[in-house]
Amino acid sequence: RSASPAGRRVQSSRLGPSPPRLLTEEEYRLQGEVETRKALEELRSFCQSPDFSAWTTVSRIQSPKRFAEFVGGASHVTPNEVSVHEREFGLDSLFIDEQLFEDEDEDEEEMGNSDSFAG
């Protein structure tokens, strides 16, 4: 009778909670986009509320015009910033990183081989 539902509950509680399922790369990217969009909308909404001190904020930031455009609905990044990000973190940079790591591996192998002849 140890196969009763009560017995199963006791057994599973001893094992502890199961680890959370890890996100796929696509799920991670999508969740990042959704959460960023949601947070930016919350920020815009707060900046348009009566509780927000616009003058104090504008006097403390480097680009008040850009901030005002963002609050009005413009993107939080410029096309140039997107381009720089893509160059640094996009698919092209992954290819370059792979080539760099391959070159480093080859250099290490060559150094390892020359060390073996030194004795």
Protein backbone atom coordinates (compact mmCIF):
# COMPACT_ATOMS: atom_id res chain seq x y z
CA ARG A 1 0.00 0.00 0.00
CA SER A 2 3.01 2.29 -0.16
CA ALA A 3 1.93 3.23 -3.68
CA SER A 4 -0.97 5.26 -2.30
CA PRO A 5 -1.15 8.97 -3.19
CA ALA A 6 -0.17 9.96 0.37
CA GLY A 7 2.93 7.76 0.13
CA ARG A 8 3.92 9.39 -3.16
CA ARG A 9 3.60 12.87 -1.66
CA VAL A 10 5.94 11.99 1.19
CA GLN A 11 8.46 10.44 -1.17
CA SER A 12 8.50 13.40 -3.57
CA SER A 13 8.92 15.92 -0.73
CA ARG A 14 12.05 14.07 0.39
CA LEU A 15 13.59 14.48 -3.04
CA GLY A 16 13.10 18.25 -2.92
CA PRO A 17 11.87 20.51 -5.66
CA SER A 18 12.85 19.62 -9.17
CA PRO A 19 15.29 22.05 -10.80
CA PRO A 20 13.70 24.66 -13.06
CA ARG A 21 13.75 24.05 -16.79
CA LEU A 22 16.44 26.11 -18.49
CA LEU A 23 15.39 28.42 -21.31
CA THR A 24 16.52 27.83 -24.85
CA GLU A 25 18.56 30.62 -26.42
CA GLU A 26 15.51 31.71 -28.44
CA GLU A 27 13.25 31.72 -25.33
CA TYR A 28 15.89 33.75 -23.45
CA ARG A 29 16.15 36.32 -26.26
CA LEU A 30 12.37 36.59 -26.56
CA GLN A 31 11.89 36.96 -22.80
CA GLY A 32 14.54 39.69 -22.78
CA GLU A 33 12.76 41.60 -25.54
CA VAL A 34 9.34 41.28 -23.87
CA GLU A 35 10.60 42.31 -20.43
CA THR A 36 12.63 45.22 -21.83
CA ARG A 37 9.64 46.52 -23.79
CA LYS A 38 7.43 46.22 -20.69
CA ALA A 39 9.98 48.04 -18.47
CA LEU A 40 10.42 50.84 -21.01
CA GLU A 41 6.65 51.35 -21.15
CA GLU A 42 6.50 51.46 -17.34
CA LEU A 43 9.29 54.06 -17.35
CA ARG A 44 7.51 56.17 -19.98
CA SER A 45 4.28 55.95 -18.01
CA PHE A 46 6.00 57.03 -14.79
CA CYS A 47 7.76 59.92 -16.57
CA GLN A 48 4.36 61.17 -17.76
CA SER A 49 2.75 60.93 -14.31
CA PRO A 50 2.23 63.89 -11.95
CA ASP A 51 4.59 62.24 -9.42
CA PHE A 52 7.52 62.66 -11.79
CA SER A 53 9.72 65.73 -11.38
CA ALA A 54 10.54 66.47 -15.01
CA TRP A 55 12.59 69.61 -14.39
CA THR A 56 14.79 67.95 -11.79
CA THR A 57 15.45 65.01 -14.09
CA VAL A 58 16.05 67.07 -17.21
CA SER A 59 18.53 69.28 -15.36
CA ARG A 60 20.59 66.19 -14.41
CA ILE A 61 20.82 64.30 -17.71
CA GLN A 62 23.20 64.80 -20.62
CA SER A 63 20.65 64.75 -23.43
CA PRO A 64 17.30 66.26 -22.39
CA LYS A 65 16.03 66.37 -25.99
CA ARG A 66 16.64 62.65 -26.45
CA PHE A 67 14.97 61.92 -23.12
CA ALA A 68 11.92 63.98 -24.09
CA GLU A 69 11.72 62.08 -27.40
CA PHE A 70 11.88 58.77 -25.50
CA VAL A 71 9.08 59.83 -23.14
CA GLY A 72 7.09 60.84 -26.21
CA GLY A 73 7.44 57.34 -27.68
CA ALA A 74 10.73 57.33 -29.59
CA SER A 75 13.15 54.43 -29.33
CA HIS A 76 15.51 54.30 -26.36
CA VAL A 77 18.45 53.59 -28.70
CA THR A 78 19.67 55.37 -31.81
CA PRO A 79 20.25 53.59 -35.13
CA ASN A 80 23.99 54.14 -34.63
CA GLU A 81 23.85 52.45 -31.20
CA VAL A 82 22.01 49.49 -32.75
CA SER A 83 24.69 49.24 -35.44
CA VAL A 84 27.54 49.33 -32.90
CA HIS A 85 25.79 46.70 -30.78
CA GLU A 86 25.30 44.42 -33.78
CA ARG A 87 28.98 44.75 -34.68
CA GLU A 88 30.08 43.94 -31.13
CA PHE A 89 27.53 41.30 -30.16
CA GLY A 90 25.82 40.16 -33.37
CA LEU A 91 26.47 37.10 -35.51
CA ASP A 92 29.52 38.70 -37.12
CA SER A 93 31.20 39.06 -33.73
CA LEU A 94 30.47 35.40 -32.93
CA PHE A 95 32.28 34.39 -36.12
CA ILE A 96 35.25 36.61 -35.24
CA ASP A 97 35.32 35.23 -31.67
CA GLU A 98 35.36 31.67 -33.02
CA GLN A 99 38.27 32.53 -35.29
CA LEU A 100 40.19 34.16 -32.43
CA PHE A 101 39.69 31.15 -30.17
CA GLU A 102 40.74 28.79 -32.95
CA ASP A 103 43.92 30.85 -33.50
CA GLU A 104 44.66 30.80 -29.75
CA ASP A 105 44.17 27.02 -29.63
CA GLU A 106 46.55 26.58 -32.59
CA ASP A 107 49.15 28.84 -30.93
CA GLU A 108 48.94 26.84 -27.69
CA GLU A 109 49.33 23.58 -29.60
CA GLU A 110 52.40 24.92 -31.40
CA MET A 111 53.93 26.08 -28.11
CA GLY A 112 53.19 22.72 -26.52
CA ASN A 113 54.91 20.91 -29.37
CA SER A 114 58.05 23.07 -29.20
CA ASP A 115 58.29 22.48 -25.44
CA SER A 116 58.39 18.72 -25.97
CA PHE A 117 61.52 19.05 -28.13
CA ALA A 118 63.37 21.17 -25.59
CA GLY A 119 64.42 18.24 -23.41
